Protein backbone atom coordinates (compact mmCIF):
# COMPACT_ATOMS: atom_id res chain seq x y z
CA UNK A 1 118.19 100.64 110.87
CA UNK A 2 117.42 97.29 112.78
CA UNK A 3 116.09 98.30 116.59
CA UNK A 4 114.46 96.91 119.32
CA UNK A 5 113.15 96.82 122.75
CA UNK A 6 111.01 96.37 125.29
CA UNK A 7 107.56 98.17 125.51
CA UNK A 8 103.97 97.28 126.70
CA UNK A 9 100.61 97.18 124.53
CA UNK A 10 97.79 97.68 126.73
CA UNK A 11 99.57 96.83 129.72
CA UNK A 12 101.09 93.33 128.46
CA UNK A 13 104.66 93.84 128.24
CA UNK A 14 106.23 93.22 124.47
CA UNK A 15 109.79 92.70 123.09
CA UNK A 16 109.74 94.74 119.58
CA UNK A 17 112.40 94.87 116.79
CA UNK A 18 112.19 96.25 113.57
CA UNK A 19 113.76 95.52 110.37
CA UNK A 20 113.89 96.56 106.85
CA UNK A 21 111.44 93.95 106.28
CA UNK A 22 109.68 93.87 109.38
CA UNK A 23 107.78 94.83 112.44
CA UNK A 24 107.38 92.45 115.16
CA UNK A 25 106.55 92.00 118.67
CA UNK A 26 106.71 88.98 120.84
CA UNK A 27 104.48 88.86 124.34
CA UNK A 28 106.93 88.28 127.29
CA UNK A 29 104.07 86.16 129.15
CA UNK A 30 103.38 83.67 126.41
CA UNK A 31 105.50 84.09 123.49
CA UNK A 32 102.79 85.21 121.11
CA UNK A 33 104.32 87.19 118.36
CA UNK A 34 102.81 89.63 115.52
CA UNK A 35 104.72 90.29 112.53
CA UNK A 36 103.91 92.96 109.99
CA UNK A 37 105.94 93.92 106.95
CA UNK A 38 107.18 96.88 106.91
CA UNK A 39 106.36 97.44 103.08
CA UNK A 40 102.71 97.70 104.78
CA UNK A 41 102.78 100.32 107.23
CA UNK A 42 101.44 103.21 106.76
CA UNK A 43 102.69 105.76 109.17
CA UNK A 44 104.12 106.13 112.29
CA UNK A 45 103.37 108.74 115.44
CA UNK A 46 104.44 109.78 118.85
CA UNK A 47 101.95 111.72 120.83
CA UNK A 48 102.68 114.48 123.49
CA UNK A 49 104.15 112.67 126.25
CA UNK A 50 106.88 111.08 123.83
CA UNK A 51 106.37 108.13 126.01
CA UNK A 52 103.64 106.51 123.56
CA UNK A 53 103.89 105.88 119.67
CA UNK A 54 101.18 104.29 117.23
CA UNK A 55 101.79 102.85 114.07
CA UNK A 56 98.70 102.28 111.76
CA UNK A 57 99.25 99.61 109.29
CA UNK A 58 97.99 97.28 106.10
CA UNK A 59 96.88 93.90 107.91
CA UNK A 60 95.73 90.93 105.19
CA UNK A 61 91.71 90.04 105.19
CA UNK A 62 89.82 87.66 103.40
CA UNK A 63 91.67 87.21 99.84
CA UNK A 64 93.13 90.37 98.54
CA UNK A 65 91.62 92.39 100.91
CA UNK A 66 93.35 94.72 103.06
CA UNK A 67 92.21 96.24 106.09
CA UNK A 68 93.63 99.12 108.69
CA UNK A 69 95.07 98.05 112.00
CA UNK A 70 97.06 100.03 114.19
CA UNK A 71 99.07 99.06 117.34
CA UNK A 72 100.45 101.51 120.16
CA UNK A 73 103.63 101.07 121.77
CA UNK A 74 104.56 102.39 125.41
CA UNK A 75 107.61 102.23 126.99
CA UNK A 76 110.81 105.23 128.04
CA UNK A 77 111.06 108.56 125.98
CA UNK A 78 114.13 107.64 125.11
CA UNK A 79 113.57 104.00 123.28
CA UNK A 80 110.01 105.48 121.99
CA UNK A 81 111.89 108.12 119.89
CA UNK A 82 114.55 105.51 118.84
CA UNK A 83 111.60 103.16 117.46
CA UNK A 84 109.59 105.35 116.01
CA UNK A 85 112.18 107.73 114.67
CA UNK A 86 113.76 104.76 112.85
CA UNK A 87 110.12 103.80 111.08
CA UNK A 88 110.37 106.99 110.37
CA UNK A 89 112.99 107.48 108.07
CA UNK A 90 112.25 104.16 106.86
CA UNK A 91 108.91 105.26 105.30
CA UNK A 92 110.66 108.86 104.64
CA UNK A 93 113.43 106.70 102.14
CA UNK A 94 110.58 104.24 100.45
CA UNK A 95 108.47 107.00 99.56
CA UNK A 96 104.91 107.64 101.24
CA UNK A 97 102.60 109.55 99.05
CA UNK A 98 102.25 112.40 101.81
CA UNK A 99 99.98 114.92 99.25
CA UNK A 100 97.39 113.77 97.36
CA UNK A 101 95.25 115.31 94.67
CA UNK A 102 91.92 113.46 94.41
CA UNK A 103 89.08 113.67 91.94
CA UNK A 104 85.68 112.62 92.56
CA UNK A 105 83.08 111.63 90.20
CA UNK A 106 79.67 112.03 91.84
CA UNK A 107 77.64 110.49 89.09
CA UNK A 108 79.64 107.24 89.05
CA UNK A 109 78.25 103.60 89.27
CA UNK A 110 75.71 104.03 91.74
CA UNK A 111 76.02 107.63 92.87
CA UNK A 112 77.96 107.24 95.84
CA UNK A 113 81.42 108.27 95.02
CA UNK A 114 81.52 111.76 97.37
CA UNK A 115 79.58 110.29 100.26
CA UNK A 116 82.03 106.77 99.72
CA UNK A 117 84.59 109.75 100.23
CA UNK A 118 83.36 111.19 103.15
CA UNK A 119 82.93 108.09 105.15
CA UNK A 120 85.49 105.86 104.64
CA UNK A 121 88.60 107.38 102.50
CA UNK A 122 88.34 110.66 104.50
CA UNK A 123 89.33 109.07 108.14
CA UNK A 124 91.78 106.79 106.45
CA UNK A 125 93.70 109.63 105.36
CA UNK A 126 93.39 111.92 108.39
CA UNK A 127 94.52 109.26 110.40
CA UNK A 128 97.59 108.82 108.50
CA UNK A 129 98.73 111.97 108.02
CA UNK A 130 98.00 112.29 104.31
CA UNK A 131 96.88 116.06 103.15
CA UNK A 132 94.83 115.64 100.67
CA UNK A 133 92.74 117.71 98.21
CA UNK A 134 89.60 116.87 97.03
CA UNK A 135 87.89 118.13 93.71
CA UNK A 136 84.08 117.29 93.56
CA UNK A 137 83.33 117.23 89.18
CA UNK A 138 80.26 118.61 88.04
CA UNK A 139 81.00 118.04 84.02
CA UNK A 140 82.63 115.74 81.47
CA UNK A 141 85.72 116.81 80.65
CA UNK A 142 86.55 118.59 83.97
CA UNK A 143 89.46 116.59 85.14
CA UNK A 144 91.36 117.98 82.03
CA UNK A 145 90.24 121.64 83.24
CA UNK A 146 91.85 120.94 86.65
CA UNK A 147 95.05 119.23 85.97
CA UNK A 148 95.76 121.82 82.92
CA UNK A 149 95.93 124.78 85.36
CA UNK A 150 97.44 122.35 89.14
CA UNK A 151 100.94 122.56 90.15
CA UNK A 152 101.94 119.16 89.93
CA UNK A 153 105.36 119.71 91.72
CA UNK A 154 103.03 119.95 94.78
CA UNK A 155 101.78 116.62 95.09
CA UNK A 156 102.95 113.14 94.91
CA UNK A 157 99.78 111.15 92.95
CA UNK A 158 97.50 111.87 91.55
CA UNK A 159 93.65 109.71 92.37
CA UNK A 160 90.59 109.59 90.56
CA UNK A 161 87.60 108.51 92.81
CA UNK A 162 85.13 106.78 90.14
CA UNK A 163 84.74 104.20 86.98
CA UNK A 164 86.55 102.89 84.73
CA UNK A 165 85.63 105.75 82.35
CA UNK A 166 86.40 108.52 84.55
CA UNK A 167 89.95 106.96 85.22
CA UNK A 168 91.02 107.22 81.68
CA UNK A 169 89.51 111.13 81.60
CA UNK A 170 92.20 111.16 84.45
CA UNK A 171 95.15 109.54 81.91
CA UNK A 172 94.48 111.42 79.28
CA UNK A 173 94.17 114.48 81.34
CA UNK A 174 97.58 113.69 82.89
CA UNK A 175 99.50 112.41 79.81
CA UNK A 176 98.17 115.76 77.81
CA UNK A 177 99.42 117.90 80.30
CA UNK A 178 102.83 116.26 80.72
CA UNK A 179 103.22 116.70 77.16
CA UNK A 180 102.90 120.48 76.94
CA UNK A 181 105.21 120.58 80.21
CA UNK A 182 107.79 118.73 77.82
CA UNK A 183 106.93 120.30 74.30
CA UNK A 184 105.27 117.35 72.86
CA UNK A 185 102.70 116.92 70.64
CA UNK A 186 100.16 115.85 72.08
CA UNK A 187 98.23 114.74 68.93
CA UNK A 188 101.11 113.53 66.66
CA UNK A 189 100.49 109.70 66.59
CA UNK A 190 104.04 109.36 66.15
CA UNK A 191 105.88 111.16 68.67
CA UNK A 192 107.68 109.46 72.10
CA UNK A 193 105.89 110.56 74.91
CA UNK A 194 106.94 111.79 77.97
CA UNK A 195 105.96 109.76 81.14
CA UNK A 196 104.16 111.77 83.89
CA UNK A 197 106.18 111.76 87.48
CA UNK A 198 103.21 111.62 89.23
CA UNK A 199 101.23 108.11 89.92
CA UNK A 200 97.64 107.70 89.14
CA UNK A 201 95.74 105.86 92.06
CA UNK A 202 92.16 104.57 91.64
CA UNK A 203 88.87 104.27 93.96
CA UNK A 204 86.71 102.24 93.02
CA UNK A 205 83.36 104.08 92.49
CA UNK A 206 81.91 102.46 88.87
CA UNK A 207 79.92 100.02 87.68
CA UNK A 208 83.01 97.83 86.53
CA UNK A 209 86.02 98.87 87.92
CA UNK A 210 88.07 96.56 86.50
CA UNK A 211 91.23 98.37 86.28
CA UNK A 212 91.05 98.52 90.68
CA UNK A 213 90.36 94.21 90.35
CA UNK A 214 93.64 93.95 87.77
CA UNK A 215 95.53 96.18 90.17
CA UNK A 216 95.02 94.77 93.07
CA UNK A 217 92.84 91.26 93.11
CA UNK A 218 89.68 93.26 94.56
CA UNK A 219 87.70 96.03 93.76
CA UNK A 220 87.53 96.58 97.86
CA UNK A 221 87.56 100.47 98.07
CA UNK A 222 89.44 100.27 101.62
CA UNK A 223 92.01 98.18 99.69
CA UNK A 224 92.08 100.67 97.19
CA UNK A 225 92.92 103.14 99.54
CA UNK A 226 95.69 101.72 101.61
CA UNK A 227 97.04 100.43 97.99
CA UNK A 228 97.72 103.75 97.64
CA UNK A 229 99.37 104.66 100.89
CA UNK A 230 101.65 101.71 100.54
CA UNK A 231 103.36 103.89 97.23
CA UNK A 232 104.07 100.86 95.59
CA UNK A 233 103.58 101.15 91.97
CA UNK A 234 103.55 99.20 88.75
CA UNK A 235 103.98 100.90 84.79
CA UNK A 236 101.50 100.72 82.97
CA UNK A 237 100.75 100.87 78.54
CA UNK A 238 98.28 102.74 76.92
CA UNK A 239 97.13 102.49 73.71
CA UNK A 240 96.05 106.31 72.01
CA UNK A 241 93.65 106.25 69.30
CA UNK A 242 93.95 109.50 66.23
CA UNK A 243 91.79 110.77 63.33
CA UNK A 244 92.05 113.18 61.00
CA UNK A 245 95.85 113.94 62.75
CA UNK A 246 94.25 114.75 66.18
CA UNK A 247 94.24 112.14 69.44
CA UNK A 248 90.86 111.50 70.26
CA UNK A 249 91.65 109.66 73.76
CA UNK A 250 94.24 107.57 75.62
CA UNK A 251 93.23 103.95 76.69
CA UNK A 252 94.15 102.23 79.33
CA UNK A 253 92.00 99.36 79.40
CA UNK A 254 90.15 98.52 75.95
CA UNK A 255 89.92 100.20 72.83
CA UNK A 256 87.28 98.65 70.95
CA UNK A 257 85.65 99.39 67.56
CA UNK A 258 82.98 97.84 65.81
CA UNK A 259 80.92 95.91 68.21
CA UNK A 260 82.23 96.72 71.17
CA UNK A 261 81.89 100.31 70.36
CA UNK A 262 78.10 100.17 69.35
CA UNK A 263 78.10 98.05 72.75
CA UNK A 264 78.57 101.03 74.69
CA UNK A 265 76.81 103.60 72.09
CA UNK A 266 73.95 101.56 72.68
CA UNK A 267 74.70 101.22 76.66
CA UNK A 268 74.92 105.11 77.00
CA UNK A 269 71.35 106.04 75.74
CA UNK A 270 70.43 103.75 78.19
CA UNK A 271 71.52 105.46 81.19
CA UNK A 272 68.21 105.86 82.59
CA UNK A 273 68.48 101.82 83.78
CA UNK A 274 71.79 102.69 85.98
CA UNK A 275 74.19 99.55 85.80
CA UNK A 276 71.38 97.10 84.96
CA UNK A 277 72.30 98.46 81.29
CA UNK A 278 75.19 96.81 81.19
CA UNK A 279 73.52 93.25 81.73
CA UNK A 280 71.12 94.17 78.95
CA UNK A 281 71.65 96.28 76.38
CA UNK A 282 75.19 94.16 75.06
CA UNK A 283 73.32 91.36 74.75
CA UNK A 284 70.60 92.89 72.10
CA UNK A 285 73.93 94.71 70.59
CA UNK A 286 75.42 91.11 70.27
CA UNK A 287 72.05 90.00 68.52
CA UNK A 288 72.11 92.93 66.17
CA UNK A 289 75.78 92.97 65.86
CA UNK A 290 76.62 94.04 62.28
CA UNK A 291 79.94 93.25 60.17
CA UNK A 292 81.88 95.94 58.53
CA UNK A 293 84.53 95.74 55.72
CA UNK A 294 87.68 96.93 56.58
CA UNK A 295 91.58 97.49 55.25
CA UNK A 296 93.81 97.52 58.06
CA UNK A 297 97.50 98.58 58.02
CA UNK A 298 99.23 97.39 60.91
CA UNK A 299 103.47 97.64 62.31
CA UNK A 300 104.26 94.61 63.62
CA UNK A 301 106.15 94.77 66.88
CA UNK A 302 109.92 94.71 66.91
CA UNK A 303 109.82 92.08 69.30
CA UNK A 304 107.56 89.70 67.04
CA UNK A 305 109.74 91.32 63.87
CA UNK A 306 112.66 89.21 65.73
CA UNK A 307 111.11 85.94 65.25
CA UNK A 308 110.42 85.87 61.38
CA UNK A 309 107.67 86.89 59.32
CA UNK A 310 106.17 83.76 59.74
CA UNK A 311 104.87 85.18 62.82
CA UNK A 312 103.39 87.93 60.80
CA UNK A 313 99.65 87.75 61.05
CA UNK A 314 98.54 84.55 62.45
CA UNK A 315 95.83 83.83 64.71
CA UNK A 316 98.00 83.35 67.95
CA UNK A 317 96.77 83.49 71.77
CA UNK A 318 98.53 86.41 73.58
CA UNK A 319 101.14 85.04 75.68
CA UNK A 320 104.13 87.58 77.65
CA UNK A 321 107.32 86.19 75.99
CA UNK A 322 108.48 83.83 78.74
CA UNK A 323 105.46 81.14 78.26
CA UNK A 324 105.45 80.83 73.98
CA UNK A 325 103.58 77.56 74.68
CA UNK A 326 100.03 77.68 73.23
CA UNK A 327 97.30 75.04 74.35
CA UNK A 328 96.99 72.52 71.67
CA UNK A 329 93.19 72.54 71.96
CA UNK A 330 91.73 72.15 68.47
CA UNK A 331 90.66 74.77 66.74
CA UNK A 332 87.15 75.00 65.65
CA UNK A 333 85.93 74.94 62.07
CA UNK A 334 86.19 78.53 60.37
CA UNK A 335 82.65 80.05 59.70
CA UNK A 336 83.88 82.47 56.79
CA UNK A 337 86.97 82.86 54.61
CA UNK A 338 89.61 85.69 55.33
CA UNK A 339 92.20 87.23 52.74
CA UNK A 340 95.44 86.51 53.46
CA UNK A 341 98.33 89.45 53.65
CA UNK A 342 97.72 91.87 50.45
CA UNK A 343 101.04 93.76 50.61
CA UNK A 344 104.14 94.55 52.54
CA UNK A 345 105.50 98.27 52.44
CA UNK A 346 108.88 99.54 52.29
CA UNK A 347 108.47 101.03 55.58
CA UNK A 348 106.76 97.70 57.43
CA UNK A 349 103.92 98.28 57.15
CA UNK A 350 101.90 95.43 55.81
CA UNK A 351 98.13 95.27 55.06
CA UNK A 352 95.16 93.61 55.28
CA UNK A 353 91.24 93.28 54.50
CA UNK A 354 87.85 91.51 55.72
CA UNK A 355 84.37 91.65 56.79
CA UNK A 356 85.06 91.89 60.23
CA UNK A 357 82.50 92.49 63.54
CA UNK A 358 85.39 94.40 65.76
CA UNK A 359 88.91 95.12 65.99
CA UNK A 360 89.83 95.77 69.75
CA UNK A 361 92.94 96.13 71.76
CA UNK A 362 93.74 95.77 75.25
CA UNK A 363 96.43 98.03 76.93
CA UNK A 364 96.57 95.58 80.01
CA UNK A 365 97.39 92.18 78.12
CA UNK A 366 95.87 89.51 79.85
CA UNK A 367 97.83 86.42 79.89
CA UNK A 368 97.62 82.49 81.13
CA UNK A 369 98.26 81.71 84.48
CA UNK A 370 97.54 78.83 86.69
CA UNK A 371 94.53 77.70 84.16
CA UNK A 372 93.19 81.38 84.17
CA UNK A 373 93.47 84.09 82.51
CA UNK A 374 95.61 87.03 84.43
CA UNK A 375 96.13 91.10 84.19
CA UNK A 376 99.42 91.75 82.74
CA UNK A 377 100.93 95.16 82.63
CA UNK A 378 103.42 96.91 81.31
CA UNK A 379 104.10 94.31 78.28
CA UNK A 380 106.67 94.95 75.62
CA UNK A 381 103.58 94.65 72.71
CA UNK A 382 100.29 95.86 71.99
CA UNK A 383 97.75 92.39 71.20
CA UNK A 384 95.45 93.40 68.06
CA UNK A 385 92.66 91.44 67.64
CA UNK A 386 90.27 90.79 65.08
CA UNK A 387 86.80 89.29 64.95
CA UNK A 388 86.22 87.87 61.42
CA UNK A 389 82.64 86.86 60.49
CA UNK A 390 80.85 84.20 62.17
CA UNK A 391 78.24 82.31 63.41
CA UNK A 392 76.08 83.98 66.08
CA UNK A 393 76.04 80.41 68.34
CA UNK A 394 79.94 80.60 67.86
CA UNK A 395 80.37 84.30 68.75
CA UNK A 396 78.53 83.95 72.31
CA UNK A 397 80.78 80.77 72.74
CA UNK A 398 83.76 82.70 72.69
CA UNK A 399 82.71 85.93 74.28
CA UNK A 400 81.31 83.95 77.46
CA UNK A 401 85.15 82.24 77.52
CA UNK A 402 86.77 85.74 77.20
CA UNK A 403 84.26 86.97 79.99
CA UNK A 404 85.20 83.27 82.38
CA UNK A 405 88.87 84.18 81.96
CA UNK A 406 89.29 80.72 79.95
CA UNK A 407 92.98 79.97 78.84
CA UNK A 408 92.33 79.01 75.13
CA UNK A 409 89.44 81.94 74.78
CA UNK A 410 90.70 83.57 71.91
CA UNK A 411 91.36 79.58 70.42
CA UNK A 412 88.97 80.04 67.13
CA UNK A 413 89.36 80.57 63.33
CA UNK A 414 87.20 83.76 63.32
CA UNK A 415 89.53 84.83 65.63
CA UNK A 416 92.91 86.98 64.49
CA UNK A 417 95.27 88.19 66.27
CA UNK A 418 98.66 90.59 65.84
CA UNK A 419 101.34 91.77 68.27
CA UNK A 420 101.85 95.56 66.74
CA UNK A 421 103.29 98.70 67.57
CA UNK A 422 100.60 100.54 65.39
CA UNK A 423 97.63 100.00 63.36
CA UNK A 424 94.87 101.75 61.11
CA UNK A 425 91.84 100.79 60.44
CA UNK A 426 90.41 102.63 57.46
CA UNK A 427 86.33 101.70 56.14
CA UNK A 428 86.41 101.48 51.94
CA UNK A 429 82.87 101.50 51.47
CA UNK A 430 81.98 104.82 54.15
CA UNK A 431 82.14 108.19 53.02
CA UNK A 432 82.05 111.58 54.60
CA UNK A 433 79.08 114.22 54.05
CA UNK A 434 79.40 117.58 55.66
CA UNK A 435 76.24 118.69 58.28
CA UNK A 436 74.59 121.93 58.21
CA UNK A 437 76.81 123.32 60.81
CA UNK A 438 79.55 122.35 58.26
CA UNK A 439 81.16 119.63 60.39
CA UNK A 440 82.16 115.87 59.06
CA UNK A 441 80.13 113.04 59.93
CA UNK A 442 80.06 109.43 58.47
CA UNK A 443 76.52 108.64 56.46
CA UNK A 444 76.66 105.60 59.17
CA UNK A 445 77.61 106.27 62.64
CA UNK A 446 80.63 103.85 63.91
CA UNK A 447 81.96 104.21 67.49
CA UNK A 448 85.17 103.19 68.93
CA UNK A 449 84.72 101.98 73.31
CA UNK A 450 87.20 103.52 75.10
CA UNK A 451 87.84 102.64 78.34
CA UNK A 452 83.83 102.73 78.67
CA UNK A 453 83.15 106.12 76.89
CA UNK A 454 81.65 105.89 73.27
CA UNK A 455 83.67 107.82 70.58
CA UNK A 456 81.81 108.88 67.37
CA UNK A 457 84.07 108.89 64.42
CA UNK A 458 83.77 111.71 61.90
CA UNK A 459 86.08 110.07 59.35
CA UNK A 460 86.12 106.85 57.42
CA UNK A 461 89.87 106.11 59.50
CA UNK A 462 91.24 106.27 62.52
CA UNK A 463 94.96 104.85 63.96
CA UNK A 464 96.55 103.05 66.77
CA UNK A 465 99.80 103.74 68.47
CA UNK A 466 101.23 101.77 71.53
CA UNK A 467 102.74 103.36 74.08
CA UNK A 468 104.87 101.57 76.66
CA UNK A 469 105.37 102.14 80.28
CA UNK A 470 103.49 105.33 80.09
CA UNK A 471 102.03 105.75 83.45
CA UNK A 472 102.43 104.61 87.00
CA UNK A 473 99.83 103.64 88.67
CA UNK A 474 99.72 103.09 92.59
CA UNK A 475 99.00 98.92 93.33
CA UNK A 476 100.51 96.01 93.40
CA UNK A 477 99.11 93.05 91.39
CA UNK A 478 98.56 90.04 92.62
CA UNK A 479 100.97 86.94 91.73
């Protein structure tokens, strides 16, 4: 694969060498050297006279950001052909995406999605020789309609340009289409899902854009485009929520019942405030928090079971298996008593009850690293977090520590965490009634926050299932 030769860059003679690891050129006059990692090369194009070829690559900028850069080498026809073919063969072997279906939500965030696509995304794709097929959505649920009819074998990736909620829509549409093509019942909570062969890329155009931040260490749009074109991907988990034998949605970021469901429902009512609603409404919801009596059945994960029953339901920080060292910070005083495990079922399910503020799940686990909580993709288990009744001051303190990514943010007596493969939440004191149209509804409204979208429950029980490595995301999380 190694290739080298003498070329000119803007009239300056350079010695160029290309390997599987890097492309480097050294100026003959002063020995100045430039090194580009081969994995950062996006395209290599020869011009009409075949004596020049241009390499476009991703160059590092500030912090985790990338910028587009290019260099044109001039030399003899034979040398140009030899070196450019070596680079092109490398790109083919390493499967850079050449055809992308791009779904754009023009209403996400500050409603700049389509404008940013035209001005910032489209020019980069064209310069890198990528075929792209943009689809601007006009209503909720349209990604499902588009992907259901699309021939996925004709593309190398599905790109969602919008916020976390829009990514969730595209994730669900792709998973559902894959199950339909594979003969798997999408609504069956016990079904083993087939992973899509098409990776998902995310272009940030929303308010939070947390998944993009986790993937690249930045919310920079240009960086996200370049990461997609570099072709690297990481597998991520999902958590599906089921109600009344129907899959309501798959979550790739957060699935929150109780307080965070209420917060998102209230935010939806104040859309006219724009992104400012996410700074104001959650605080108002927290001050009006309500407790819910719940019965929780949970299926401990197989990896947790291997450590013995003593780990069945204890308060713990969710850490990777390779780091079981928990900080010894003194626990804050318990604010309320919580019943212990009531019973073990023969099939492995266990049960607990309590009066809680929230039951939450994060498919992308936050693990401690270098003194802060950092995202961890593709973990072996799902962590269920239960927030019991507590004082408002302690609750605000805990949530502030979560927001600040403090490693001991779950080290509170009113926080319970459990590694599970599935769990069920039942509301024993909530009844169901029929509307005048014959539809089911609860006498009290309860909501689940699924990646920024509020889902209203219609029955007093729902189930959550863990799906490991269900889909690949374009990106390379910072180490």
